[in-house]
Amino acid sequence: MGGVGAAAAIAVINCTGNLAGFMSPYVIGFLKDATGQLLPGMIMLACALVLAAVIVLAMLAARKTA
């Protein structure tokens, strides 16, 4: 991937990171208000990280077979 495709991929990654950085405090705050604890928010963040790792590994496996 080069040129325009690489620029678009970088833009999507940047956009996703910015959106997550904006929304995460609100979601964690909502979960803390709803439950009275920070643990559900931390579990949500951990699940998001695990999901991201699974997606990356799946993409790597698909790339190796292609």
PDB file of N, CA and C in Angstrom:
ATOM      1  N   MET A   1       0.856  -1.170   0.000  1.00  0.00           N
ATOM      2  CA  MET A   1       0.000   0.000   0.000  1.00  0.00           C
ATOM      3  C   MET A   1       0.897   1.226   0.000  1.00  0.00           C
ATOM      4  N   GLY A   2       0.597   2.134  -0.854  1.00  0.00           N
ATOM      5  CA  GLY A   2       1.401   3.338  -0.900  1.00  0.00           C
ATOM      6  C   GLY A   2       0.573   4.524  -1.331  1.00  0.00           C
ATOM      7  N   GLY A   3       1.146   5.677  -1.201  1.00  0.00           N
ATOM      8  CA  GLY A   3       0.513   6.900  -1.671  1.00  0.00           C
ATOM      9  C   GLY A   3      -0.800   7.208  -0.998  1.00  0.00           C
ATOM     10  N   VAL A   4      -1.836   7.319  -1.818  1.00  0.00           N
ATOM     11  CA  VAL A   4      -3.157   7.719  -1.340  1.00  0.00           C
ATOM     12  C   VAL A   4      -3.741   6.673  -0.386  1.00  0.00           C
ATOM     13  N   GLY A   5      -3.527   5.398  -0.671  1.00  0.00           N
ATOM     14  CA  GLY A   5      -4.044   4.337   0.202  1.00  0.00           C
ATOM     15  C   GLY A   5      -3.434   4.402   1.587  1.00  0.00           C
ATOM     16  N   ALA A   6      -2.126   4.628   1.660  1.00  0.00           N
ATOM     17  CA  ALA A   6      -1.458   4.728   2.960  1.00  0.00           C
ATOM     18  C   ALA A   6      -1.943   5.958   3.722  1.00  0.00           C
ATOM     19  N   ALA A   7      -2.128   7.055   3.020  1.00  0.00           N
ATOM     20  CA  ALA A   7      -2.615   8.273   3.669  1.00  0.00           C
ATOM     21  C   ALA A   7      -4.022   8.064   4.222  1.00  0.00           C
ATOM     22  N   ALA A   8      -4.865   7.380   3.459  1.00  0.00           N
ATOM     23  CA  ALA A   8      -6.228   7.113   3.926  1.00  0.00           C
ATOM     24  C   ALA A   8      -6.212   6.194   5.144  1.00  0.00           C
ATOM     25  N   ALA A   9      -5.350   5.177   5.142  1.00  0.00           N
ATOM     26  CA  ALA A   9      -5.261   4.261   6.285  1.00  0.00           C
ATOM     27  C   ALA A   9      -4.794   5.002   7.539  1.00  0.00           C
ATOM     28  N   ILE A  10      -3.809   5.854   7.390  1.00  0.00           N
ATOM     29  CA  ILE A  10      -3.319   6.639   8.532  1.00  0.00           C
ATOM     30  C   ILE A  10      -4.412   7.569   9.040  1.00  0.00           C
ATOM     31  N   ALA A  11      -5.182   8.151   8.130  1.00  0.00           N
ATOM     32  CA  ALA A  11      -6.269   9.048   8.530  1.00  0.00           C
ATOM     33  C   ALA A  11      -7.350   8.298   9.305  1.00  0.00           C
ATOM     34  N   VAL A  12      -7.685   7.082   8.878  1.00  0.00           N
ATOM     35  CA  VAL A  12      -8.699   6.291   9.584  1.00  0.00           C
ATOM     36  C   VAL A  12      -8.204   5.924  10.981  1.00  0.00           C
ATOM     37  N   ILE A  13      -6.940   5.525  11.083  1.00  0.00           N
ATOM     38  CA  ILE A  13      -6.377   5.180  12.391  1.00  0.00           C
ATOM     39  C   ILE A  13      -6.377   6.403  13.305  1.00  0.00           C
ATOM     40  N   ASN A  14      -5.989   7.551  12.791  1.00  0.00           N
ATOM     41  CA  ASN A  14      -5.967   8.782  13.572  1.00  0.00           C
ATOM     42  C   ASN A  14      -7.376   9.174  14.015  1.00  0.00           C
ATOM     43  N   CYS A  15      -8.330   9.076  13.114  1.00  0.00           N
ATOM     44  CA  CYS A  15      -9.719   9.421  13.426  1.00  0.00           C
ATOM     45  C   CYS A  15     -10.277   8.508  14.513  1.00  0.00           C
ATOM     46  N   THR A  16     -10.006   7.225  14.404  1.00  0.00           N
ATOM     47  CA  THR A  16     -10.486   6.262  15.390  1.00  0.00           C
ATOM     48  C   THR A  16      -9.874   6.534  16.765  1.00  0.00           C
ATOM     49  N   GLY A  17      -8.591   6.820  16.792  1.00  0.00           N
ATOM     50  CA  GLY A  17      -7.921   7.132  18.056  1.00  0.00           C
ATOM     51  C   GLY A  17      -8.462   8.396  18.698  1.00  0.00           C
ATOM     52  N   ASN A  18      -8.703   9.417  17.888  1.00  0.00           N
ATOM     53  CA  ASN A  18      -9.259  10.660  18.418  1.00  0.00           C
ATOM     54  C   ASN A  18     -10.667  10.462  18.959  1.00  0.00           C
ATOM     55  N   LEU A  19     -11.475   9.695  18.235  1.00  0.00           N
ATOM     56  CA  LEU A  19     -12.839   9.424  18.689  1.00  0.00           C
ATOM     57  C   LEU A  19     -12.833   8.638  19.998  1.00  0.00           C
ATOM     58  N   ALA A  20     -11.971   7.641  20.088  1.00  0.00           N
ATOM     59  CA  ALA A  20     -11.875   6.853  21.323  1.00  0.00           C
ATOM     60  C   ALA A  20     -11.387   7.721  22.484  1.00  0.00           C
ATOM     61  N   GLY A  21     -10.429   8.592  22.214  1.00  0.00           N
ATOM     62  CA  GLY A  21      -9.918   9.475  23.257  1.00  0.00           C
ATOM     63  C   GLY A  21     -10.963  10.465  23.748  1.00  0.00           C
ATOM     64  N   PHE A  22     -11.897  10.824  22.880  1.00  0.00           N
ATOM     65  CA  PHE A  22     -12.967  11.741  23.260  1.00  0.00           C
ATOM     66  C   PHE A  22     -14.080  11.014  24.014  1.00  0.00           C
ATOM     67  N   MET A  23     -14.446   9.834  23.539  1.00  0.00           N
ATOM     68  CA  MET A  23     -15.603   9.124  24.089  1.00  0.00           C
ATOM     69  C   MET A  23     -15.299   8.328  25.354  1.00  0.00           C
ATOM     70  N   SER A  24     -14.090   7.819  25.498  1.00  0.00           N
ATOM     71  CA  SER A  24     -13.763   6.946  26.634  1.00  0.00           C
ATOM     72  C   SER A  24     -14.043   7.575  27.995  1.00  0.00           C
ATOM     73  N   PRO A  25     -13.644   8.820  28.250  1.00  0.00           N
ATOM     74  CA  PRO A  25     -13.951   9.393  29.569  1.00  0.00           C
ATOM     75  C   PRO A  25     -15.445   9.480  29.853  1.00  0.00           C
ATOM     76  N   TYR A  26     -16.238   9.775  28.822  1.00  0.00           N
ATOM     77  CA  TYR A  26     -17.684   9.854  29.014  1.00  0.00           C
ATOM     78  C   TYR A  26     -18.280   8.480  29.324  1.00  0.00           C
ATOM     79  N   VAL A  27     -17.824   7.465  28.603  1.00  0.00           N
ATOM     80  CA  VAL A  27     -18.333   6.106  28.839  1.00  0.00           C
ATOM     81  C   VAL A  27     -17.915   5.611  30.220  1.00  0.00           C
ATOM     82  N   ILE A  28     -16.670   5.843  30.586  1.00  0.00           N
ATOM     83  CA  ILE A  28     -16.207   5.420  31.910  1.00  0.00           C
ATOM     84  C   ILE A  28     -16.971   6.167  33.002  1.00  0.00           C
ATOM     85  N   GLY A  29     -17.188   7.463  32.802  1.00  0.00           N
ATOM     86  CA  GLY A  29     -17.969   8.240  33.770  1.00  0.00           C
ATOM     87  C   GLY A  29     -19.403   7.747  33.878  1.00  0.00           C
ATOM     88  N   PHE A  30     -20.010   7.437  32.732  1.00  0.00           N
ATOM     89  CA  PHE A  30     -21.370   6.903  32.745  1.00  0.00           C
ATOM     90  C   PHE A  30     -21.433   5.591  33.507  1.00  0.00           C
ATOM     91  N   LEU A  31     -20.485   4.699  33.231  1.00  0.00           N
ATOM     92  CA  LEU A  31     -20.468   3.406  33.922  1.00  0.00           C
ATOM     93  C   LEU A  31     -20.205   3.575  35.413  1.00  0.00           C
ATOM     94  N   LYS A  32     -19.360   4.547  35.773  1.00  0.00           N
ATOM     95  CA  LYS A  32     -19.096   4.793  37.198  1.00  0.00           C
ATOM     96  C   LYS A  32     -20.350   5.326  37.883  1.00  0.00           C
ATOM     97  N   ASP A  33     -21.058   6.245  37.220  1.00  0.00           N
ATOM     98  CA  ASP A  33     -22.293   6.763  37.801  1.00  0.00           C
ATOM     99  C   ASP A  33     -23.363   5.683  37.908  1.00  0.00           C
ATOM    100  N   ALA A  34     -23.421   4.804  36.923  1.00  0.00           N
ATOM    101  CA  ALA A  34     -24.453   3.760  36.908  1.00  0.00           C
ATOM    102  C   ALA A  34     -24.178   2.671  37.940  1.00  0.00           C
ATOM    103  N   THR A  35     -22.904   2.378  38.190  1.00  0.00           N
ATOM    104  CA  THR A  35     -22.569   1.260  39.082  1.00  0.00           C
ATOM    105  C   THR A  35     -21.946   1.694  40.402  1.00  0.00           C
ATOM    106  N   GLY A  36     -21.397   2.893  40.446  1.00  0.00           N
ATOM    107  CA  GLY A  36     -20.718   3.354  41.659  1.00  0.00           C
ATOM    108  C   GLY A  36     -19.285   2.877  41.769  1.00  0.00           C
ATOM    109  N   GLN A  37     -18.777   2.213  40.724  1.00  0.00           N
ATOM    110  CA  GLN A  37     -17.410   1.684  40.745  1.00  0.00           C
ATOM    111  C   GLN A  37     -16.710   2.007  39.428  1.00  0.00           C
ATOM    112  N   LEU A  38     -15.390   2.023  39.464  1.00  0.00           N
ATOM    113  CA  LEU A  38     -14.608   2.204  38.246  1.00  0.00           C
ATOM    114  C   LEU A  38     -14.345   0.884  37.523  1.00  0.00           C
ATOM    115  N   LEU A  39     -14.531  -0.232  38.213  1.00  0.00           N
ATOM    116  CA  LEU A  39     -14.204  -1.530  37.631  1.00  0.00           C
ATOM    117  C   LEU A  39     -14.912  -1.813  36.300  1.00  0.00           C
ATOM    118  N   PRO A  40     -16.210  -1.537  36.146  1.00  0.00           N
ATOM    119  CA  PRO A  40     -16.839  -1.797  34.845  1.00  0.00           C
ATOM    120  C   PRO A  40     -16.204  -1.009  33.698  1.00  0.00           C
ATOM    121  N   GLY A  41     -15.790   0.212  33.963  1.00  0.00           N
ATOM    122  CA  GLY A  41     -15.110   0.999  32.940  1.00  0.00           C
ATOM    123  C   GLY A  41     -13.759   0.410  32.562  1.00  0.00           C
ATOM    124  N   MET A  42     -13.041  -0.069  33.552  1.00  0.00           N
ATOM    125  CA  MET A  42     -11.746  -0.688  33.280  1.00  0.00           C
ATOM    126  C   MET A  42     -11.914  -2.004  32.529  1.00  0.00           C
ATOM    127  N   ILE A  43     -12.956  -2.749  32.872  1.00  0.00           N
ATOM    128  CA  ILE A  43     -13.238  -3.993  32.152  1.00  0.00           C
ATOM    129  C   ILE A  43     -13.578  -3.684  30.702  1.00  0.00           C
ATOM    130  N   MET A  44     -14.357  -2.621  30.472  1.00  0.00           N
ATOM    131  CA  MET A  44     -14.700  -2.223  29.110  1.00  0.00           C
ATOM    132  C   MET A  44     -13.443  -1.867  28.308  1.00  0.00           C
ATOM    133  N   LEU A  45     -12.523  -1.150  28.918  1.00  0.00           N
ATOM    134  CA  LEU A  45     -11.274  -0.806  28.237  1.00  0.00           C
ATOM    135  C   LEU A  45     -10.441  -2.047  27.945  1.00  0.00           C
ATOM    136  N   ALA A  46     -10.378  -2.960  28.903  1.00  0.00           N
ATOM    137  CA  ALA A  46      -9.617  -4.199  28.693  1.00  0.00           C
ATOM    138  C   ALA A  46     -10.229  -5.021  27.563  1.00  0.00           C
ATOM    139  N   CYS A  47     -11.542  -5.093  27.513  1.00  0.00           N
ATOM    140  CA  CYS A  47     -12.212  -5.842  26.433  1.00  0.00           C
ATOM    141  C   CYS A  47     -11.948  -5.195  25.078  1.00  0.00           C
ATOM    142  N   ALA A  48     -11.931  -3.865  25.033  1.00  0.00           N
ATOM    143  CA  ALA A  48     -11.641  -3.174  23.777  1.00  0.00           C
ATOM    144  C   ALA A  48     -10.218  -3.478  23.310  1.00  0.00           C
ATOM    145  N   LEU A  49      -9.274  -3.531  24.229  1.00  0.00           N
ATOM    146  CA  LEU A  49      -7.895  -3.848  23.870  1.00  0.00           C
ATOM    147  C   LEU A  49      -7.756  -5.285  23.383  1.00  0.00           C
ATOM    148  N   VAL A  50      -8.441  -6.210  24.049  1.00  0.00           N
ATOM    149  CA  VAL A  50      -8.395  -7.606  23.623  1.00  0.00           C
ATOM    150  C   VAL A  50      -9.035  -7.755  22.245  1.00  0.00           C
ATOM    151  N   LEU A  51     -10.156  -7.090  22.021  1.00  0.00           N
ATOM    152  CA  LEU A  51     -10.810  -7.130  20.716  1.00  0.00           C
ATOM    153  C   LEU A  51      -9.900  -6.584  19.621  1.00  0.00           C
ATOM    154  N   ALA A  52      -9.214  -5.491  19.903  1.00  0.00           N
ATOM    155  CA  ALA A  52      -8.285  -4.921  18.925  1.00  0.00           C
ATOM    156  C   ALA A  52      -7.151  -5.896  18.614  1.00  0.00           C
ATOM    157  N   ALA A  53      -6.631  -6.564  19.629  1.00  0.00           N
ATOM    158  CA  ALA A  53      -5.558  -7.539  19.412  1.00  0.00           C
ATOM    159  C   ALA A  53      -6.043  -8.713  18.564  1.00  0.00           C
ATOM    160  N   VAL A  54      -7.260  -9.175  18.816  1.00  0.00           N
ATOM    161  CA  VAL A  54      -7.819 -10.283  18.032  1.00  0.00           C
ATOM    162  C   VAL A  54      -7.995  -9.863  16.579  1.00  0.00           C
ATOM    163  N   ILE A  55      -8.461  -8.652  16.351  1.00  0.00           N
ATOM    164  CA  ILE A  55      -8.632  -8.160  14.976  1.00  0.00           C
ATOM    165  C   ILE A  55      -7.286  -8.083  14.261  1.00  0.00           C
ATOM    166  N   VAL A  56      -6.271  -7.582  14.939  1.00  0.00           N
ATOM    167  CA  VAL A  56      -4.943  -7.486  14.324  1.00  0.00           C
ATOM    168  C   VAL A  56      -4.406  -8.881  13.997  1.00  0.00           C
ATOM    169  N   LEU A  57      -4.539  -9.809  14.915  1.00  0.00           N
ATOM    170  CA  LEU A  57      -4.054 -11.165  14.664  1.00  0.00           C
ATOM    171  C   LEU A  57      -4.812 -11.830  13.526  1.00  0.00           C
ATOM    172  N   ALA A  58      -6.109 -11.607  13.443  1.00  0.00           N
ATOM    173  CA  ALA A  58      -6.905 -12.166  12.357  1.00  0.00           C
ATOM    174  C   ALA A  58      -6.484 -11.572  11.020  1.00  0.00           C
ATOM    175  N   MET A  59      -6.201 -10.284  11.002  1.00  0.00           N
ATOM    176  CA  MET A  59      -5.761  -9.635   9.763  1.00  0.00           C
ATOM    177  C   MET A  59      -4.381 -10.143   9.345  1.00  0.00           C
ATOM    178  N   LEU A  60      -3.501 -10.375  10.300  1.00  0.00           N
ATOM    179  CA  LEU A  60      -2.182 -10.912   9.979  1.00  0.00           C
ATOM    180  C   LEU A  60      -2.290 -12.319   9.425  1.00  0.00           C
ATOM    181  N   ALA A  61      -3.152 -13.128  10.018  1.00  0.00           N
ATOM    182  CA  ALA A  61      -3.336 -14.500   9.525  1.00  0.00           C
ATOM    183  C   ALA A  61      -3.920 -14.500   8.119  1.00  0.00           C
ATOM    184  N   ALA A  62      -4.869 -13.609   7.859  1.00  0.00           N
ATOM    185  CA  ALA A  62      -5.477 -13.520   6.536  1.00  0.00           C
ATOM    186  C   ALA A  62      -4.466 -13.041   5.501  1.00  0.00           C
ATOM    187  N   ARG A  63      -3.591 -12.152   5.921  1.00  0.00           N
ATOM    188  CA  ARG A  63      -2.571 -11.629   4.991  1.00  0.00           C
ATOM    189  C   ARG A  63      -1.547 -12.700   4.617  1.00  0.00           C
ATOM    190  N   LYS A  64      -1.205 -13.560   5.591  1.00  0.00           N
ATOM    191  CA  LYS A  64      -0.227 -14.616   5.322  1.00  0.00           C
ATOM    192  C   LYS A  64      -0.786 -15.668   4.362  1.00  0.00           C
ATOM    193  N   THR A  65      -2.092 -15.924   4.425  1.00  0.00           N
ATOM    194  CA  THR A  65      -2.686 -16.925   3.556  1.00  0.00           C
ATOM    195  C   THR A  65      -2.976 -16.383   2.156  1.00  0.00           C
ATOM    196  N   ALA A  66      -3.019 -15.066   2.025  1.00  0.00           N
ATOM    197  CA  ALA A  66      -3.328 -14.471   0.709  1.00  0.00           C
ATOM    198  C   ALA A  66      -2.120 -14.412  -0.190  1.00  0.00           C
TER     199      ALA A  66
END
